[in-house]
């Protein structure tokens, strides 16, 4: 069981918001219960350093095309150099 790190009382403002003090995460999943309890669980919108299966498949196909010599001519980016 985890211990309580911080405990305080908060009041809902006129726009029905509650302020969280010293929050670590930007996004939370909210669960409201019939007895009035509200549970906030931290969430990350995108798992860090995770690449989707579709993106990996596209990268594999691109590398296979490159190995087979199916590639465009190099792009001249010298106009963007400082």
PDB file of N, CA and C in Angstrom:
ATOM      1  N   UNK A   1       0.845  -1.186   0.000  1.00  0.00           N
ATOM      2  CA  UNK A   1       0.000   0.000   0.000  1.00  0.00           C
ATOM      3  C   UNK A   1       0.887   1.244   0.000  1.00  0.00           C
ATOM      4  N   UNK A   2       0.475   2.240  -0.757  1.00  0.00           N
ATOM      5  CA  UNK A   2       1.264   3.461  -0.855  1.00  0.00           C
ATOM      6  C   UNK A   2       0.878   4.429   0.246  1.00  0.00           C
ATOM      7  N   UNK A   3       1.834   5.253   0.637  1.00  0.00           N
ATOM      8  CA  UNK A   3       1.575   6.212   1.712  1.00  0.00           C
ATOM      9  C   UNK A   3       1.153   7.559   1.134  1.00  0.00           C
ATOM     10  N   UNK A   4       0.511   8.352   1.972  1.00  0.00           N
ATOM     11  CA  UNK A   4       0.058   9.685   1.570  1.00  0.00           C
ATOM     12  C   UNK A   4       1.260  10.620   1.541  1.00  0.00           C
ATOM     13  N   UNK A   5       1.441  11.318   0.419  1.00  0.00           N
ATOM     14  CA  UNK A   5       2.552  12.251   0.269  1.00  0.00           C
ATOM     15  C   UNK A   5       2.112  13.662   0.653  1.00  0.00           C
ATOM     16  N   UNK A   6       0.902  14.032   0.281  1.00  0.00           N
ATOM     17  CA  UNK A   6       0.385  15.369   0.574  1.00  0.00           C
ATOM     18  C   UNK A   6      -1.112  15.243   0.783  1.00  0.00           C
ATOM     19  N   UNK A   7      -1.624  16.021   1.694  1.00  0.00           N
ATOM     20  CA  UNK A   7      -3.055  16.010   1.961  1.00  0.00           C
ATOM     21  C   UNK A   7      -3.490  17.433   2.265  1.00  0.00           C
ATOM     22  N   UNK A   8      -4.528  17.895   1.589  1.00  0.00           N
ATOM     23  CA  UNK A   8      -5.041  19.244   1.825  1.00  0.00           C
ATOM     24  C   UNK A   8      -6.490  19.316   1.397  1.00  0.00           C
ATOM     25  N   UNK A   9      -7.184  20.355   1.832  1.00  0.00           N
ATOM     26  CA  UNK A   9      -8.572  20.588   1.439  1.00  0.00           C
ATOM     27  C   UNK A   9      -8.597  21.580   0.292  1.00  0.00           C
ATOM     28  N   UNK A  10      -9.541  21.398  -0.587  1.00  0.00           N
ATOM     29  CA  UNK A  10      -9.688  22.283  -1.726  1.00  0.00           C
ATOM     30  C   UNK A  10     -11.162  22.602  -1.906  1.00  0.00           C
ATOM     31  N   UNK A  11     -11.431  23.761  -2.496  1.00  0.00           N
ATOM     32  CA  UNK A  11     -12.806  24.206  -2.702  1.00  0.00           C
ATOM     33  C   UNK A  11     -13.057  24.351  -4.195  1.00  0.00           C
ATOM     34  N   UNK A  12     -14.207  23.925  -4.660  1.00  0.00           N
ATOM     35  CA  UNK A  12     -14.578  24.096  -6.061  1.00  0.00           C
ATOM     36  C   UNK A  12     -14.878  25.575  -6.296  1.00  0.00           C
ATOM     37  N   UNK A  13     -14.272  26.151  -7.351  1.00  0.00           N
ATOM     38  CA  UNK A  13     -14.494  27.570  -7.627  1.00  0.00           C
ATOM     39  C   UNK A  13     -15.805  27.771  -8.391  1.00  0.00           C
ATOM     40  N   UNK A  14     -16.072  29.014  -8.788  1.00  0.00           N
ATOM     41  CA  UNK A  14     -17.345  29.344  -9.443  1.00  0.00           C
ATOM     42  C   UNK A  14     -17.505  28.676 -10.802  1.00  0.00           C
ATOM     43  N   UNK A  15     -16.397  28.262 -11.416  1.00  0.00           N
ATOM     44  CA  UNK A  15     -16.464  27.569 -12.703  1.00  0.00           C
ATOM     45  C   UNK A  15     -16.377  26.059 -12.525  1.00  0.00           C
ATOM     46  N   UNK A  16     -16.614  25.586 -11.315  1.00  0.00           N
ATOM     47  CA  UNK A  16     -16.641  24.159 -10.980  1.00  0.00           C
ATOM     48  C   UNK A  16     -15.273  23.488 -11.164  1.00  0.00           C
ATOM     49  N   UNK A  17     -14.178  24.205 -10.847  1.00  0.00           N
ATOM     50  CA  UNK A  17     -12.823  23.683 -10.976  1.00  0.00           C
ATOM     51  C   UNK A  17     -12.201  23.491  -9.601  1.00  0.00           C
ATOM     52  N   UNK A  18     -11.269  22.557  -9.532  1.00  0.00           N
ATOM     53  CA  UNK A  18     -10.492  22.323  -8.321  1.00  0.00           C
ATOM     54  C   UNK A  18      -9.025  22.543  -8.678  1.00  0.00           C
ATOM     55  N   UNK A  19      -8.296  23.245  -7.833  1.00  0.00           N
ATOM     56  CA  UNK A  19      -6.883  23.494  -8.066  1.00  0.00           C
ATOM     57  C   UNK A  19      -6.043  22.422  -7.383  1.00  0.00           C
ATOM     58  N   UNK A  20      -5.117  21.824  -8.139  1.00  0.00           N
ATOM     59  CA  UNK A  20      -4.190  20.844  -7.586  1.00  0.00           C
ATOM     60  C   UNK A  20      -2.870  21.543  -7.310  1.00  0.00           C
ATOM     61  N   UNK A  21      -2.369  21.414  -6.111  1.00  0.00           N
ATOM     62  CA  UNK A  21      -1.117  22.074  -5.731  1.00  0.00           C
ATOM     63  C   UNK A  21       0.066  21.162  -6.033  1.00  0.00           C
ATOM     64  N   UNK A  22       1.098  21.732  -6.600  1.00  0.00           N
ATOM     65  CA  UNK A  22       2.339  20.996  -6.835  1.00  0.00           C
ATOM     66  C   UNK A  22       2.168  19.741  -7.661  1.00  0.00           C
ATOM     67  N   UNK A  23       1.318  19.802  -8.662  1.00  0.00           N
ATOM     68  CA  UNK A  23       1.055  18.609  -9.481  1.00  0.00           C
ATOM     69  C   UNK A  23       2.298  18.246 -10.289  1.00  0.00           C
ATOM     70  N   UNK A  24       2.463  16.950 -10.516  1.00  0.00           N
ATOM     71  CA  UNK A  24       3.610  16.450 -11.255  1.00  0.00           C
ATOM     72  C   UNK A  24       3.247  16.209 -12.723  1.00  0.00           C
ATOM     73  N   UNK A  25       2.020  15.799 -12.984  1.00  0.00           N
ATOM     74  CA  UNK A  25       1.586  15.466 -14.337  1.00  0.00           C
ATOM     75  C   UNK A  25       0.673  16.557 -14.882  1.00  0.00           C
ATOM     76  N   UNK A  26       0.588  16.646 -16.208  1.00  0.00           N
ATOM     77  CA  UNK A  26      -0.292  17.627 -16.848  1.00  0.00           C
ATOM     78  C   UNK A  26      -1.680  17.062 -17.113  1.00  0.00           C
ATOM     79  N   UNK A  27      -1.802  15.759 -17.240  1.00  0.00           N
ATOM     80  CA  UNK A  27      -3.081  15.141 -17.570  1.00  0.00           C
ATOM     81  C   UNK A  27      -3.422  14.055 -16.549  1.00  0.00           C
ATOM     82  N   UNK A  28      -4.715  13.981 -16.230  1.00  0.00           N
ATOM     83  CA  UNK A  28      -5.196  12.995 -15.271  1.00  0.00           C
ATOM     84  C   UNK A  28      -6.460  12.334 -15.811  1.00  0.00           C
ATOM     85  N   UNK A  29      -6.613  11.050 -15.519  1.00  0.00           N
ATOM     86  CA  UNK A  29      -7.854  10.349 -15.802  1.00  0.00           C
ATOM     87  C   UNK A  29      -8.731  10.517 -14.563  1.00  0.00           C
ATOM     88  N   UNK A  30      -9.969  10.926 -14.761  1.00  0.00           N
ATOM     89  CA  UNK A  30     -10.872  11.219 -13.651  1.00  0.00           C
ATOM     90  C   UNK A  30     -11.931  10.131 -13.548  1.00  0.00           C
ATOM     91  N   UNK A  31     -12.116   9.590 -12.332  1.00  0.00           N
ATOM     92  CA  UNK A  31     -13.193   8.650 -12.042  1.00  0.00           C
ATOM     93  C   UNK A  31     -14.044   9.247 -10.932  1.00  0.00           C
ATOM     94  N   UNK A  32     -15.343   9.436 -11.212  1.00  0.00           N
ATOM     95  CA  UNK A  32     -16.262   9.971 -10.208  1.00  0.00           C
ATOM     96  C   UNK A  32     -17.143   8.841  -9.690  1.00  0.00           C
ATOM     97  N   UNK A  33     -17.293   8.755  -8.381  1.00  0.00           N
ATOM     98  CA  UNK A  33     -18.087   7.706  -7.756  1.00  0.00           C
ATOM     99  C   UNK A  33     -19.394   8.281  -7.220  1.00  0.00           C
ATOM    100  N   UNK A  34     -20.382   7.413  -7.050  1.00  0.00           N
ATOM    101  CA  UNK A  34     -21.711   7.847  -6.596  1.00  0.00           C
ATOM    102  C   UNK A  34     -21.689   8.434  -5.188  1.00  0.00           C
ATOM    103  N   UNK A  35     -20.686   8.062  -4.380  1.00  0.00           N
ATOM    104  CA  UNK A  35     -20.619   8.602  -3.022  1.00  0.00           C
ATOM    105  C   UNK A  35     -19.889   9.951  -2.956  1.00  0.00           C
ATOM    106  N   UNK A  36     -19.523  10.520  -4.122  1.00  0.00           N
ATOM    107  CA  UNK A  36     -18.899  11.836  -4.161  1.00  0.00           C
ATOM    108  C   UNK A  36     -17.381  11.811  -4.296  1.00  0.00           C
ATOM    109  N   UNK A  37     -16.784  10.640  -4.158  1.00  0.00           N
ATOM    110  CA  UNK A  37     -15.329  10.558  -4.307  1.00  0.00           C
ATOM    111  C   UNK A  37     -14.931  10.802  -5.749  1.00  0.00           C
ATOM    112  N   UNK A  38     -13.774  11.431  -5.929  1.00  0.00           N
ATOM    113  CA  UNK A  38     -13.195  11.653  -7.257  1.00  0.00           C
ATOM    114  C   UNK A  38     -11.776  11.115  -7.215  1.00  0.00           C
ATOM    115  N   UNK A  39     -11.452  10.227  -8.132  1.00  0.00           N
ATOM    116  CA  UNK A  39     -10.127   9.632  -8.202  1.00  0.00           C
ATOM    117  C   UNK A  39      -9.406  10.188  -9.420  1.00  0.00           C
ATOM    118  N   UNK A  40      -8.220  10.729  -9.227  1.00  0.00           N
ATOM    119  CA  UNK A  40      -7.396  11.248 -10.316  1.00  0.00           C
ATOM    120  C   UNK A  40      -6.198  10.321 -10.483  1.00  0.00           C
ATOM    121  N   UNK A  41      -6.021   9.790 -11.691  1.00  0.00           N
ATOM    122  CA  UNK A  41      -4.871   8.950 -11.978  1.00  0.00           C
ATOM    123  C   UNK A  41      -4.044   9.625 -13.062  1.00  0.00           C
ATOM    124  N   UNK A  42      -2.741   9.778 -12.840  1.00  0.00           N
ATOM    125  CA  UNK A  42      -1.910  10.472 -13.829  1.00  0.00           C
ATOM    126  C   UNK A  42      -1.902   9.742 -15.157  1.00  0.00           C
ATOM    127  N   UNK A  43      -1.900  10.509 -16.236  1.00  0.00           N
ATOM    128  CA  UNK A  43      -1.879   9.957 -17.586  1.00  0.00           C
ATOM    129  C   UNK A  43      -0.865  10.718 -18.429  1.00  0.00           C
ATOM    130  N   UNK A  44      -0.289   9.999 -19.374  1.00  0.00           N
ATOM    131  CA  UNK A  44       0.518  10.623 -20.415  1.00  0.00           C
ATOM    132  C   UNK A  44      -0.224  10.378 -21.720  1.00  0.00           C
ATOM    133  N   UNK A  45      -0.369  11.413 -22.521  1.00  0.00           N
ATOM    134  CA  UNK A  45      -1.144  11.261 -23.746  1.00  0.00           C
ATOM    135  C   UNK A  45      -0.478  10.329 -24.744  1.00  0.00           C
ATOM    136  N   UNK A  46       0.836  10.332 -24.790  1.00  0.00           N
ATOM    137  CA  UNK A  46       1.579   9.438 -25.670  1.00  0.00           C
ATOM    138  C   UNK A  46       2.681   8.811 -24.841  1.00  0.00           C
ATOM    139  N   UNK A  47       2.813   7.512 -24.936  1.00  0.00           N
ATOM    140  CA  UNK A  47       3.887   6.847 -24.208  1.00  0.00           C
ATOM    141  C   UNK A  47       5.227   7.347 -24.746  1.00  0.00           C
ATOM    142  N   UNK A  48       6.140   7.745 -23.874  1.00  0.00           N
ATOM    143  CA  UNK A  48       7.410   8.306 -24.345  1.00  0.00           C
ATOM    144  C   UNK A  48       8.252   7.270 -25.073  1.00  0.00           C
ATOM    145  N   UNK A  49       8.907   7.693 -26.134  1.00  0.00           N
ATOM    146  CA  UNK A  49       9.830   6.880 -26.904  1.00  0.00           C
ATOM    147  C   UNK A  49       9.180   5.623 -27.494  1.00  0.00           C
ATOM    148  N   UNK A  50       7.896   5.683 -27.777  1.00  0.00           N
ATOM    149  CA  UNK A  50       7.212   4.540 -28.363  1.00  0.00           C
ATOM    150  C   UNK A  50       6.814   4.884 -29.792  1.00  0.00           C
ATOM    151  N   UNK A  51       7.145   4.005 -30.711  1.00  0.00           N
ATOM    152  CA  UNK A  51       6.825   4.196 -32.122  1.00  0.00           C
ATOM    153  C   UNK A  51       5.737   3.188 -32.482  1.00  0.00           C
ATOM    154  N   UNK A  52       4.706   3.646 -33.176  1.00  0.00           N
ATOM    155  CA  UNK A  52       3.588   2.763 -33.515  1.00  0.00           C
ATOM    156  C   UNK A  52       4.020   1.675 -34.494  1.00  0.00           C
ATOM    157  N   UNK A  53       3.269   0.586 -34.499  1.00  0.00           N
ATOM    158  CA  UNK A  53       3.554  -0.534 -35.400  1.00  0.00           C
ATOM    159  C   UNK A  53       3.444  -0.098 -36.857  1.00  0.00           C
ATOM    160  N   UNK A  54       2.494   0.793 -37.161  1.00  0.00           N
ATOM    161  CA  UNK A  54       2.328   1.292 -38.527  1.00  0.00           C
ATOM    162  C   UNK A  54       3.563   2.078 -38.969  1.00  0.00           C
ATOM    163  N   UNK A  55       4.087   2.926 -38.089  1.00  0.00           N
ATOM    164  CA  UNK A  55       5.273   3.713 -38.411  1.00  0.00           C
ATOM    165  C   UNK A  55       6.477   2.805 -38.628  1.00  0.00           C
ATOM    166  N   UNK A  56       6.631   1.800 -37.761  1.00  0.00           N
ATOM    167  CA  UNK A  56       7.737   0.856 -37.929  1.00  0.00           C
ATOM    168  C   UNK A  56       7.639   0.109 -39.260  1.00  0.00           C
ATOM    169  N   UNK A  57       6.428  -0.281 -39.649  1.00  0.00           N
ATOM    170  CA  UNK A  57       6.235  -0.980 -40.924  1.00  0.00           C
ATOM    171  C   UNK A  57       6.594  -0.069 -42.092  1.00  0.00           C
ATOM    172  N   UNK A  58       6.210   1.202 -42.010  1.00  0.00           N
ATOM    173  CA  UNK A  58       6.548   2.156 -43.078  1.00  0.00           C
ATOM    174  C   UNK A  58       8.056   2.362 -43.153  1.00  0.00           C
ATOM    175  N   UNK A  59       8.725   2.433 -42.001  1.00  0.00           N
ATOM    176  CA  UNK A  59      10.179   2.603 -41.985  1.00  0.00           C
ATOM    177  C   UNK A  59      10.867   1.372 -42.590  1.00  0.00           C
ATOM    178  N   UNK A  60      10.373   0.177 -42.249  1.00  0.00           N
ATOM    179  CA  UNK A  60      10.938  -1.048 -42.814  1.00  0.00           C
ATOM    180  C   UNK A  60      10.775  -1.073 -44.329  1.00  0.00           C
ATOM    181  N   UNK A  61       9.596  -0.684 -44.819  1.00  0.00           N
ATOM    182  CA  UNK A  61       9.352  -0.648 -46.263  1.00  0.00           C
ATOM    183  C   UNK A  61      10.271   0.370 -46.938  1.00  0.00           C
ATOM    184  N   UNK A  62      10.477   1.504 -46.315  1.00  0.00           N
ATOM    185  CA  UNK A  62      11.362   2.529 -46.880  1.00  0.00           C
ATOM    186  C   UNK A  62      12.798   2.034 -46.952  1.00  0.00           C
ATOM    187  N   UNK A  63      13.259   1.355 -45.915  1.00  0.00           N
ATOM    188  CA  UNK A  63      14.626   0.833 -45.916  1.00  0.00           C
ATOM    189  C   UNK A  63      14.792  -0.262 -46.981  1.00  0.00           C
ATOM    190  N   UNK A  64      13.769  -1.083 -47.150  1.00  0.00           N
ATOM    191  CA  UNK A  64      13.810  -2.127 -48.178  1.00  0.00           C
ATOM    192  C   UNK A  64      13.883  -1.495 -49.570  1.00  0.00           C
ATOM    193  N   UNK A  65      13.114  -0.422 -49.785  1.00  0.00           N
ATOM    194  CA  UNK A  65      13.167   0.291 -51.067  1.00  0.00           C
ATOM    195  C   UNK A  65      14.553   0.878 -51.299  1.00  0.00           C
ATOM    196  N   UNK A  66      15.147   1.439 -50.264  1.00  0.00           N
ATOM    197  CA  UNK A  66      16.484   2.030 -50.381  1.00  0.00           C
ATOM    198  C   UNK A  66      17.510   0.955 -50.730  1.00  0.00           C
ATOM    199  N   UNK A  67      17.421  -0.211 -50.082  1.00  0.00           N
ATOM    200  CA  UNK A  67      18.339  -1.318 -50.375  1.00  0.00           C
ATOM    201  C   UNK A  67      18.186  -1.797 -51.816  1.00  0.00           C
ATOM    202  N   UNK A  68      16.967  -1.711 -52.368  1.00  0.00           N
ATOM    203  CA  UNK A  68      16.703  -2.136 -53.743  1.00  0.00           C
ATOM    204  C   UNK A  68      17.008  -1.042 -54.760  1.00  0.00           C
ATOM    205  N   UNK A  69      17.530   0.092 -54.294  1.00  0.00           N
ATOM    206  CA  UNK A  69      17.906   1.175 -55.192  1.00  0.00           C
ATOM    207  C   UNK A  69      16.750   2.066 -55.602  1.00  0.00           C
ATOM    208  N   UNK A  70      15.639   1.947 -54.966  1.00  0.00           N
ATOM    209  CA  UNK A  70      14.478   2.777 -55.277  1.00  0.00           C
ATOM    210  C   UNK A  70      14.490   4.000 -54.358  1.00  0.00           C
ATOM    211  N   UNK A  71      15.230   5.016 -54.770  1.00  0.00           N
ATOM    212  CA  UNK A  71      15.348   6.224 -53.959  1.00  0.00           C
ATOM    213  C   UNK A  71      15.427   7.438 -54.865  1.00  0.00           C
ATOM    214  N   UNK A  72      14.988   8.566 -54.365  1.00  0.00           N
ATOM    215  CA  UNK A  72      15.055   9.800 -55.147  1.00  0.00           C
ATOM    216  C   UNK A  72      16.471  10.366 -55.076  1.00  0.00           C
ATOM    217  N   UNK A  73      16.716  11.347 -55.913  1.00  0.00           N
ATOM    218  CA  UNK A  73      17.995  12.054 -55.877  1.00  0.00           C
ATOM    219  C   UNK A  73      18.082  12.831 -54.565  1.00  0.00           C
ATOM    220  N   UNK A  74      19.295  13.074 -54.070  1.00  0.00           N
ATOM    221  CA  UNK A  74      19.435  13.852 -52.828  1.00  0.00           C
ATOM    222  C   UNK A  74      18.818  15.244 -52.986  1.00  0.00           C
ATOM    223  N   UNK A  75      18.242  15.753 -51.924  1.00  0.00           N
ATOM    224  CA  UNK A  75      17.616  17.067 -51.924  1.00  0.00           C
ATOM    225  C   UNK A  75      18.639  18.103 -51.501  1.00  0.00           C
ATOM    226  N   UNK A  76      18.712  19.198 -52.253  1.00  0.00           N
ATOM    227  CA  UNK A  76      19.656  20.268 -51.942  1.00  0.00           C
ATOM    228  C   UNK A  76      19.044  21.170 -50.865  1.00  0.00           C
ATOM    229  N   UNK A  77      19.621  21.144 -49.669  1.00  0.00           N
ATOM    230  CA  UNK A  77      19.133  21.960 -48.561  1.00  0.00           C
ATOM    231  C   UNK A  77      20.052  23.146 -48.271  1.00  0.00           C
ATOM    232  N   UNK A  78      20.943  23.439 -49.197  1.00  0.00           N
ATOM    233  CA  UNK A  78      21.915  24.521 -48.956  1.00  0.00           C
ATOM    234  C   UNK A  78      21.260  25.893 -48.804  1.00  0.00           C
ATOM    235  N   UNK A  79      20.064  26.064 -49.348  1.00  0.00           N
ATOM    236  CA  UNK A  79      19.364  27.351 -49.197  1.00  0.00           C
ATOM    237  C   UNK A  79      18.975  27.616 -47.754  1.00  0.00           C
ATOM    238  N   UNK A  80      18.906  26.575 -46.945  1.00  0.00           N
ATOM    239  CA  UNK A  80      18.478  26.736 -45.553  1.00  0.00           C
ATOM    240  C   UNK A  80      19.647  26.888 -44.580  1.00  0.00           C
ATOM    241  N   UNK A  81      20.864  26.798 -45.060  1.00  0.00           N
ATOM    242  CA  UNK A  81      22.042  26.954 -44.190  1.00  0.00           C
ATOM    243  C   UNK A  81      22.230  28.427 -43.863  1.00  0.00           C
ATOM    244  N   UNK A  82      22.785  28.672 -42.715  1.00  0.00           N
ATOM    245  CA  UNK A  82      23.030  30.064 -42.302  1.00  0.00           C
ATOM    246  C   UNK A  82      24.371  30.534 -42.749  1.00  0.00           C
TER     247      UNK A  82
END
